């Protein structure tokens, strides 16, 4: 009997275990082979077993990105008998960042919030840290151990502290999932005005347009 996982993530090895039993009436010697999609990967000759004796064999085959989506047929053959199983190779976790929003502009000394949706577009479950960076080595905030199944999404919130030295500046940040080595980070800019600006508008329909001397004037 051949035992192997139902699926693996590309880049992971496939470990296969097989029990070979001599079901004949005499001691015998055979060659035990491990095949991947019909091609012999490992061959062990001179395997001798007594009557009803069983020996366990372990084989390993590697996977890579070219195997993604493949159903690999793995076979162990001893003499004229064989047993097979199929293993599906899945794509690795792939965390992508979408729907990034901020509450800028913010006043110097205030805290800005960055909110984003994280989606796992891979075939496999995974766990990553989501980090907000102000330069390659300057981590502003982090949400650790974000775990997502394949196709799952979640929302994260991160904070950016500002101070008086940020007044009149635009803080340029990058939001990344994992180490950001795949270049999938998203640029985030937060404006910190140098002074407060207030917009004033008057609702003419809700305000008094005529008044009598001595009465209060209502402006909305």
C-alpha atoms as a PDB file:
ATOM      1  CA  UNK A   1       0.000   0.000   0.000  1.00  0.00           C
ATOM      2  CA  UNK A   2       1.295   3.456  -0.966  1.00  0.00           C
ATOM      3  CA  UNK A   3       0.752   6.322   1.471  1.00  0.00           C
ATOM      4  CA  UNK A   4       1.279  10.001   0.529  1.00  0.00           C
ATOM      5  CA  UNK A   5      -0.402  13.357   1.287  1.00  0.00           C
ATOM      6  CA  UNK A   6      -3.412  14.308  -0.809  1.00  0.00           C
ATOM      7  CA  UNK A   7      -1.760  17.599  -1.787  1.00  0.00           C
ATOM      8  CA  UNK A   8       1.401  19.630  -1.188  1.00  0.00           C
ATOM      9  CA  UNK A   9       2.446  23.221  -1.785  1.00  0.00           C
ATOM     10  CA  UNK A  10       4.901  23.821  -4.614  1.00  0.00           C
ATOM     11  CA  UNK A  11       8.434  23.836  -3.224  1.00  0.00           C
ATOM     12  CA  UNK A  12       7.640  21.209  -0.604  1.00  0.00           C
ATOM     13  CA  UNK A  13       8.865  17.610  -0.968  1.00  0.00           C
ATOM     14  CA  UNK A  14       6.425  14.724  -1.299  1.00  0.00           C
ATOM     15  CA  UNK A  15       7.193  11.927   1.151  1.00  0.00           C
ATOM     16  CA  UNK A  16       5.873   8.533   0.096  1.00  0.00           C
ATOM     17  CA  UNK A  17       5.720   5.401   2.240  1.00  0.00           C
ATOM     18  CA  UNK A  18       5.028   1.919   0.863  1.00  0.00           C
ATOM     19  CA  UNK A  19       4.788  -1.524   2.463  1.00  0.00           C
ATOM     20  CA  UNK A  20       5.996  -4.413   0.315  1.00  0.00           C
ATOM     21  CA  UNK A  21       4.920  -7.916   1.414  1.00  0.00           C
ATOM     22  CA  UNK A  22       5.930 -11.318   0.065  1.00  0.00           C
ATOM     23  CA  UNK A  23       2.545 -13.008  -0.349  1.00  0.00           C
ATOM     24  CA  UNK A  24       3.989 -16.026  -2.116  1.00  0.00           C
ATOM     25  CA  UNK A  25       4.855 -19.469  -0.784  1.00  0.00           C
ATOM     26  CA  UNK A  26       8.618 -19.076  -1.163  1.00  0.00           C
ATOM     27  CA  UNK A  27      11.311 -16.628  -0.143  1.00  0.00           C
ATOM     28  CA  UNK A  28      11.970 -14.237  -3.013  1.00  0.00           C
ATOM     29  CA  UNK A  29      14.091 -11.374  -4.285  1.00  0.00           C
ATOM     30  CA  UNK A  30      12.747  -8.469  -6.333  1.00  0.00           C
ATOM     31  CA  UNK A  31      13.612  -4.955  -7.450  1.00  0.00           C
ATOM     32  CA  UNK A  32      11.524  -2.235  -5.763  1.00  0.00           C
ATOM     33  CA  UNK A  33      11.023   0.904  -7.855  1.00  0.00           C
ATOM     34  CA  UNK A  34       9.545   4.326  -7.204  1.00  0.00           C
ATOM     35  CA  UNK A  35       7.979   5.989 -10.261  1.00  0.00           C
ATOM     36  CA  UNK A  36       6.753   9.541 -10.828  1.00  0.00           C
ATOM     37  CA  UNK A  37       4.314   9.874 -13.718  1.00  0.00           C
ATOM     38  CA  UNK A  38       5.602   6.591 -15.113  1.00  0.00           C
ATOM     39  CA  UNK A  39       9.300   7.480 -14.889  1.00  0.00           C
ATOM     40  CA  UNK A  40      11.518   5.525 -12.504  1.00  0.00           C
ATOM     41  CA  UNK A  41      12.971   7.863  -9.897  1.00  0.00           C
ATOM     42  CA  UNK A  42      14.485   5.330  -7.486  1.00  0.00           C
ATOM     43  CA  UNK A  43      15.309   1.656  -8.018  1.00  0.00           C
ATOM     44  CA  UNK A  44      16.379  -0.670  -5.207  1.00  0.00           C
ATOM     45  CA  UNK A  45      17.503  -4.074  -6.471  1.00  0.00           C
ATOM     46  CA  UNK A  46      18.080  -7.255  -4.512  1.00  0.00           C
ATOM     47  CA  UNK A  47      15.249  -6.798  -2.012  1.00  0.00           C
ATOM     48  CA  UNK A  48      14.772 -10.220  -0.362  1.00  0.00           C
ATOM     49  CA  UNK A  49      11.719 -11.151   1.696  1.00  0.00           C
ATOM     50  CA  UNK A  50      10.712 -14.354   3.408  1.00  0.00           C
ATOM     51  CA  UNK A  51       7.195 -15.721   3.103  1.00  0.00           C
ATOM     52  CA  UNK A  52       4.668 -13.202   4.570  1.00  0.00           C
ATOM     53  CA  UNK A  53       7.484 -10.817   5.453  1.00  0.00           C
ATOM     54  CA  UNK A  54       6.838  -7.067   5.025  1.00  0.00           C
ATOM     55  CA  UNK A  55       9.362  -4.293   4.541  1.00  0.00           C
ATOM     56  CA  UNK A  56       8.586  -0.597   4.571  1.00  0.00           C
ATOM     57  CA  UNK A  57      10.115   1.747   1.992  1.00  0.00           C
ATOM     58  CA  UNK A  58      10.261   5.548   2.059  1.00  0.00           C
ATOM     59  CA  UNK A  59      10.735   7.697  -1.020  1.00  0.00           C
ATOM     60  CA  UNK A  60      10.883  11.458  -1.599  1.00  0.00           C
ATOM     61  CA  UNK A  61      10.332  13.542  -4.709  1.00  0.00           C
ATOM     62  CA  UNK A  62      10.735  17.312  -4.957  1.00  0.00           C
ATOM     63  CA  UNK A  63       8.244  19.846  -6.346  1.00  0.00           C
ATOM     64  CA  UNK A  64       8.621  23.348  -7.794  1.00  0.00           C
ATOM     65  CA  UNK A  65       6.529  26.087  -9.390  1.00  0.00           C
ATOM     66  CA  UNK A  66       6.368  24.222 -12.702  1.00  0.00           C
ATOM     67  CA  UNK A  67       4.341  21.504 -10.938  1.00  0.00           C
ATOM     68  CA  UNK A  68       1.568  23.878  -9.761  1.00  0.00           C
ATOM     69  CA  UNK A  69      -1.821  22.496 -10.753  1.00  0.00           C
ATOM     70  CA  UNK A  70      -0.415  19.068 -11.593  1.00  0.00           C
ATOM     71  CA  UNK A  71      -1.794  15.768 -10.326  1.00  0.00           C
ATOM     72  CA  UNK A  72       1.335  13.701  -9.883  1.00  0.00           C
ATOM     73  CA  UNK A  73       0.963   9.930 -10.222  1.00  0.00           C
ATOM     74  CA  UNK A  74       3.285   8.203  -7.756  1.00  0.00           C
ATOM     75  CA  UNK A  75       3.804   4.443  -7.988  1.00  0.00           C
ATOM     76  CA  UNK A  76       5.770   1.863  -6.054  1.00  0.00           C
ATOM     77  CA  UNK A  77       6.454  -1.315  -8.036  1.00  0.00           C
ATOM     78  CA  UNK A  78       7.889  -4.644  -6.826  1.00  0.00           C
ATOM     79  CA  UNK A  79       8.284  -7.187  -9.586  1.00  0.00           C
ATOM     80  CA  UNK A  80       5.007  -7.406 -11.472  1.00  0.00           C
ATOM     81  CA  UNK A  81       2.891  -5.812  -8.745  1.00  0.00           C
ATOM     82  CA  UNK A  82       2.432  -2.119  -8.037  1.00  0.00           C
ATOM     83  CA  UNK A  83       0.312   0.402  -6.147  1.00  0.00           C
ATOM     84  CA  UNK A  84      -0.241   4.065  -6.971  1.00  0.00           C
ATOM     85  CA  UNK A  85      -1.559   7.303  -5.522  1.00  0.00           C
ATOM     86  CA  UNK A  86      -2.116  10.838  -6.833  1.00  0.00           C
ATOM     87  CA  UNK A  87      -0.837  14.039  -5.215  1.00  0.00           C
ATOM     88  CA  UNK A  88      -2.003  17.518  -6.265  1.00  0.00           C
ATOM     89  CA  UNK A  89       0.550  20.357  -6.230  1.00  0.00           C
ATOM     90  CA  UNK A  90      -0.920  23.654  -4.989  1.00  0.00           C
ATOM     91  CA  UNK A  91       0.368  27.199  -5.427  1.00  0.00           C
ATOM     92  CA  UNK A  92       1.926  28.777  -2.294  1.00  0.00           C
ATOM     93  CA  UNK A  93       0.098  31.390  -0.193  1.00  0.00           C
ATOM     94  CA  UNK A  94      -0.002  34.722  -2.013  1.00  0.00           C
ATOM     95  CA  UNK A  95      -1.023  37.657   0.205  1.00  0.00           C
ATOM     96  CA  UNK A  96      -2.183  40.717  -1.725  1.00  0.00           C
ATOM     97  CA  UNK A  97      -3.134  44.157  -0.388  1.00  0.00           C
ATOM     98  CA  UNK A  98      -6.179  46.061  -1.683  1.00  0.00           C
ATOM     99  CA  UNK A  99      -8.626  48.795  -0.645  1.00  0.00           C
ATOM    100  CA  UNK A 100      -6.075  50.881   1.262  1.00  0.00           C
ATOM    101  CA  UNK A 101      -7.581  53.923   2.999  1.00  0.00           C
ATOM    102  CA  UNK A 102      -6.217  56.545   5.400  1.00  0.00           C
ATOM    103  CA  UNK A 103      -7.758  59.353   7.416  1.00  0.00           C
ATOM    104  CA  UNK A 104      -5.330  62.016   6.178  1.00  0.00           C
ATOM    105  CA  UNK A 105      -4.779  64.887   6.367  1.00  0.00           C
ATOM    106  CA  UNK A 106      -3.955  64.811  10.063  1.00  0.00           C
ATOM    107  CA  UNK A 107      -2.698  67.540  12.367  1.00  0.00           C
ATOM    108  CA  UNK A 108       0.888  67.370  13.646  1.00  0.00           C
ATOM    109  CA  UNK A 109       0.984  65.182  16.757  1.00  0.00           C
ATOM    110  CA  UNK A 110      -2.164  63.261  15.777  1.00  0.00           C
ATOM    111  CA  UNK A 111      -2.372  59.560  14.941  1.00  0.00           C
ATOM    112  CA  UNK A 112      -3.322  58.529  11.421  1.00  0.00           C
ATOM    113  CA  UNK A 113      -4.994  55.167  10.752  1.00  0.00           C
ATOM    114  CA  UNK A 114      -4.248  53.047   7.694  1.00  0.00           C
ATOM    115  CA  UNK A 115      -6.838  50.378   6.861  1.00  0.00           C
ATOM    116  CA  UNK A 116      -6.461  47.706   4.174  1.00  0.00           C
ATOM    117  CA  UNK A 117      -7.908  44.432   2.922  1.00  0.00           C
ATOM    118  CA  UNK A 118      -5.552  41.442   2.802  1.00  0.00           C
ATOM    119  CA  UNK A 119      -6.473  38.597   0.440  1.00  0.00           C
ATOM    120  CA  UNK A 120      -4.774  35.212   0.012  1.00  0.00           C
ATOM    121  CA  UNK A 121      -4.810  34.512  -3.735  1.00  0.00           C
ATOM    122  CA  UNK A 122      -2.805  31.289  -3.404  1.00  0.00           C
ATOM    123  CA  UNK A 123      -4.096  27.712  -3.233  1.00  0.00           C
ATOM    124  CA  UNK A 124      -2.627  27.094   0.224  1.00  0.00           C
ATOM    125  CA  UNK A 125      -3.295  28.544   3.660  1.00  0.00           C
ATOM    126  CA  UNK A 126      -0.601  30.825   5.036  1.00  0.00           C
ATOM    127  CA  UNK A 127       0.453  33.212   7.795  1.00  0.00           C
ATOM    128  CA  UNK A 128       2.231  36.520   7.269  1.00  0.00           C
ATOM    129  CA  UNK A 129       2.998  39.733   9.155  1.00  0.00           C
ATOM    130  CA  UNK A 130       1.510  42.903   7.645  1.00  0.00           C
ATOM    131  CA  UNK A 131       3.902  45.812   8.149  1.00  0.00           C
ATOM    132  CA  UNK A 132       3.815  49.552   7.587  1.00  0.00           C
ATOM    133  CA  UNK A 133       7.260  50.870   6.690  1.00  0.00           C
ATOM    134  CA  UNK A 134       8.753  54.367   6.585  1.00  0.00           C
ATOM    135  CA  UNK A 135      11.877  53.354   4.733  1.00  0.00           C
ATOM    136  CA  UNK A 136      13.350  49.839   4.294  1.00  0.00           C
ATOM    137  CA  UNK A 137      14.391  49.417   7.934  1.00  0.00           C
ATOM    138  CA  UNK A 138      11.933  51.698   9.737  1.00  0.00           C
ATOM    139  CA  UNK A 139       8.847  49.733  10.830  1.00  0.00           C
ATOM    140  CA  UNK A 140       6.064  52.104  11.877  1.00  0.00           C
ATOM    141  CA  UNK A 141       3.498  49.464  12.877  1.00  0.00           C
ATOM    142  CA  UNK A 142       2.839  45.760  12.351  1.00  0.00           C
ATOM    143  CA  UNK A 143      -0.054  43.316  12.564  1.00  0.00           C
ATOM    144  CA  UNK A 144       1.580  39.979  13.337  1.00  0.00           C
ATOM    145  CA  UNK A 145       0.551  36.480  12.262  1.00  0.00           C
ATOM    146  CA  UNK A 146      -2.275  37.244   9.846  1.00  0.00           C
ATOM    147  CA  UNK A 147      -3.535  33.749   8.925  1.00  0.00           C
ATOM    148  CA  UNK A 148      -5.692  33.204   5.837  1.00  0.00           C
ATOM    149  CA  UNK A 149      -7.016  30.140   4.062  1.00  0.00           C
ATOM    150  CA  UNK A 150      -6.905  30.043   0.262  1.00  0.00           C
ATOM    151  CA  UNK A 151      -9.212  32.748  -1.103  1.00  0.00           C
ATOM    152  CA  UNK A 152      -9.897  34.233   2.346  1.00  0.00           C
ATOM    153  CA  UNK A 153      -9.773  37.965   3.118  1.00  0.00           C
ATOM    154  CA  UNK A 154      -9.432  40.054   6.260  1.00  0.00           C
ATOM    155  CA  UNK A 155      -9.145  43.724   7.200  1.00  0.00           C
ATOM    156  CA  UNK A 156      -6.206  45.162   9.133  1.00  0.00           C
ATOM    157  CA  UNK A 157      -5.670  48.545  10.779  1.00  0.00           C
ATOM    158  CA  UNK A 158      -2.292  50.131  11.473  1.00  0.00           C
ATOM    159  CA  UNK A 159      -1.379  53.380  13.202  1.00  0.00           C
ATOM    160  CA  UNK A 160       1.015  56.149  12.218  1.00  0.00           C
ATOM    161  CA  UNK A 161       2.145  58.532  14.956  1.00  0.00           C
ATOM    162  CA  UNK A 162       3.014  62.076  13.849  1.00  0.00           C
ATOM    163  CA  UNK A 163       4.742  64.923  15.658  1.00  0.00           C
ATOM    164  CA  UNK A 164       5.441  68.610  15.194  1.00  0.00           C
ATOM    165  CA  UNK A 165       8.436  67.906  12.952  1.00  0.00           C
ATOM    166  CA  UNK A 166       6.060  66.395  10.386  1.00  0.00           C
ATOM    167  CA  UNK A 167       4.164  69.683   9.950  1.00  0.00           C
ATOM    168  CA  UNK A 168       3.992  70.676   6.292  1.00  0.00           C
ATOM    169  CA  UNK A 169       5.268  67.271   5.178  1.00  0.00           C
ATOM    170  CA  UNK A 170       3.808  64.299   3.339  1.00  0.00           C
ATOM    171  CA  UNK A 171       4.742  61.050   5.107  1.00  0.00           C
ATOM    172  CA  UNK A 172       5.534  58.404   2.493  1.00  0.00           C
ATOM    173  CA  UNK A 173       4.993  54.832   3.680  1.00  0.00           C
ATOM    174  CA  UNK A 174       4.811  51.337   2.224  1.00  0.00           C
ATOM    175  CA  UNK A 175       2.369  48.650   3.329  1.00  0.00           C
ATOM    176  CA  UNK A 176       3.756  45.127   2.817  1.00  0.00           C
ATOM    177  CA  UNK A 177       2.703  41.567   3.599  1.00  0.00           C
ATOM    178  CA  UNK A 178       5.551  39.279   4.620  1.00  0.00           C
ATOM    179  CA  UNK A 179       9.071  40.488   3.848  1.00  0.00           C
ATOM    180  CA  UNK A 180       7.948  42.458   0.802  1.00  0.00           C
ATOM    181  CA  UNK A 181      10.611  40.741  -1.309  1.00  0.00           C
ATOM    182  CA  UNK A 182       8.150  40.042  -4.131  1.00  0.00           C
ATOM    183  CA  UNK A 183       7.540  43.756  -4.660  1.00  0.00           C
ATOM    184  CA  UNK A 184       3.862  43.551  -3.738  1.00  0.00           C
ATOM    185  CA  UNK A 185       3.910  46.510  -1.351  1.00  0.00           C
ATOM    186  CA  UNK A 186       1.451  49.401  -1.634  1.00  0.00           C
ATOM    187  CA  UNK A 187       2.515  53.052  -1.325  1.00  0.00           C
ATOM    188  CA  UNK A 188       0.669  55.093   1.303  1.00  0.00           C
ATOM    189  CA  UNK A 189       0.968  58.890   1.624  1.00  0.00           C
ATOM    190  CA  UNK A 190      -0.280  60.855   4.637  1.00  0.00           C
ATOM    191  CA  UNK A 191      -0.431  64.624   4.501  1.00  0.00           C
ATOM    192  CA  UNK A 192       0.384  66.597   7.654  1.00  0.00           C
ATOM    193  CA  UNK A 193      -0.550  70.272   7.018  1.00  0.00           C
ATOM    194  CA  UNK A 194       1.524  73.018   8.593  1.00  0.00           C
ATOM    195  CA  UNK A 195      -1.532  74.777   9.971  1.00  0.00           C
ATOM    196  CA  UNK A 196      -5.210  74.117  10.598  1.00  0.00           C
ATOM    197  CA  UNK A 197      -7.589  74.980   7.800  1.00  0.00           C
ATOM    198  CA  UNK A 198     -11.342  75.205   8.321  1.00  0.00           C
ATOM    199  CA  UNK A 199     -13.889  75.263   5.521  1.00  0.00           C
ATOM    200  CA  UNK A 200     -16.998  77.344   6.229  1.00  0.00           C
ATOM    201  CA  UNK A 201     -20.237  77.150   4.243  1.00  0.00           C
ATOM    202  CA  UNK A 202     -23.662  78.620   4.967  1.00  0.00           C
ATOM    203  CA  UNK A 203     -26.899  76.784   4.282  1.00  0.00           C
ATOM    204  CA  UNK A 204     -29.100  79.606   2.996  1.00  0.00           C
ATOM    205  CA  UNK A 205     -32.239  77.464   3.143  1.00  0.00           C
ATOM    206  CA  UNK A 206     -31.816  76.710   6.850  1.00  0.00           C
ATOM    207  CA  UNK A 207     -30.599  80.161   7.924  1.00  0.00           C
ATOM    208  CA  UNK A 208     -32.579  83.305   8.683  1.00  0.00           C
ATOM    209  CA  UNK A 209     -32.673  85.681   5.708  1.00  0.00           C
ATOM    210  CA  UNK A 210     -34.781  88.367   7.402  1.00  0.00           C
ATOM    211  CA  UNK A 211     -34.833  89.404  11.037  1.00  0.00           C
ATOM    212  CA  UNK A 212     -36.490  92.026  13.211  1.00  0.00           C
ATOM    213  CA  UNK A 213     -34.245  94.360  15.163  1.00  0.00           C
ATOM    214  CA  UNK A 214     -33.524  92.891  18.589  1.00  0.00           C
ATOM    215  CA  UNK A 215     -34.139  89.261  17.571  1.00  0.00           C
ATOM    216  CA  UNK A 216     -31.462  86.546  17.325  1.00  0.00           C
ATOM    217  CA  UNK A 217     -30.006  85.640  13.915  1.00  0.00           C
ATOM    218  CA  UNK A 218     -29.730  81.915  13.103  1.00  0.00           C
ATOM    219  CA  UNK A 219     -27.001  80.855  10.646  1.00  0.00           C
ATOM    220  CA  UNK A 220     -26.515  77.188   9.663  1.00  0.00           C
END
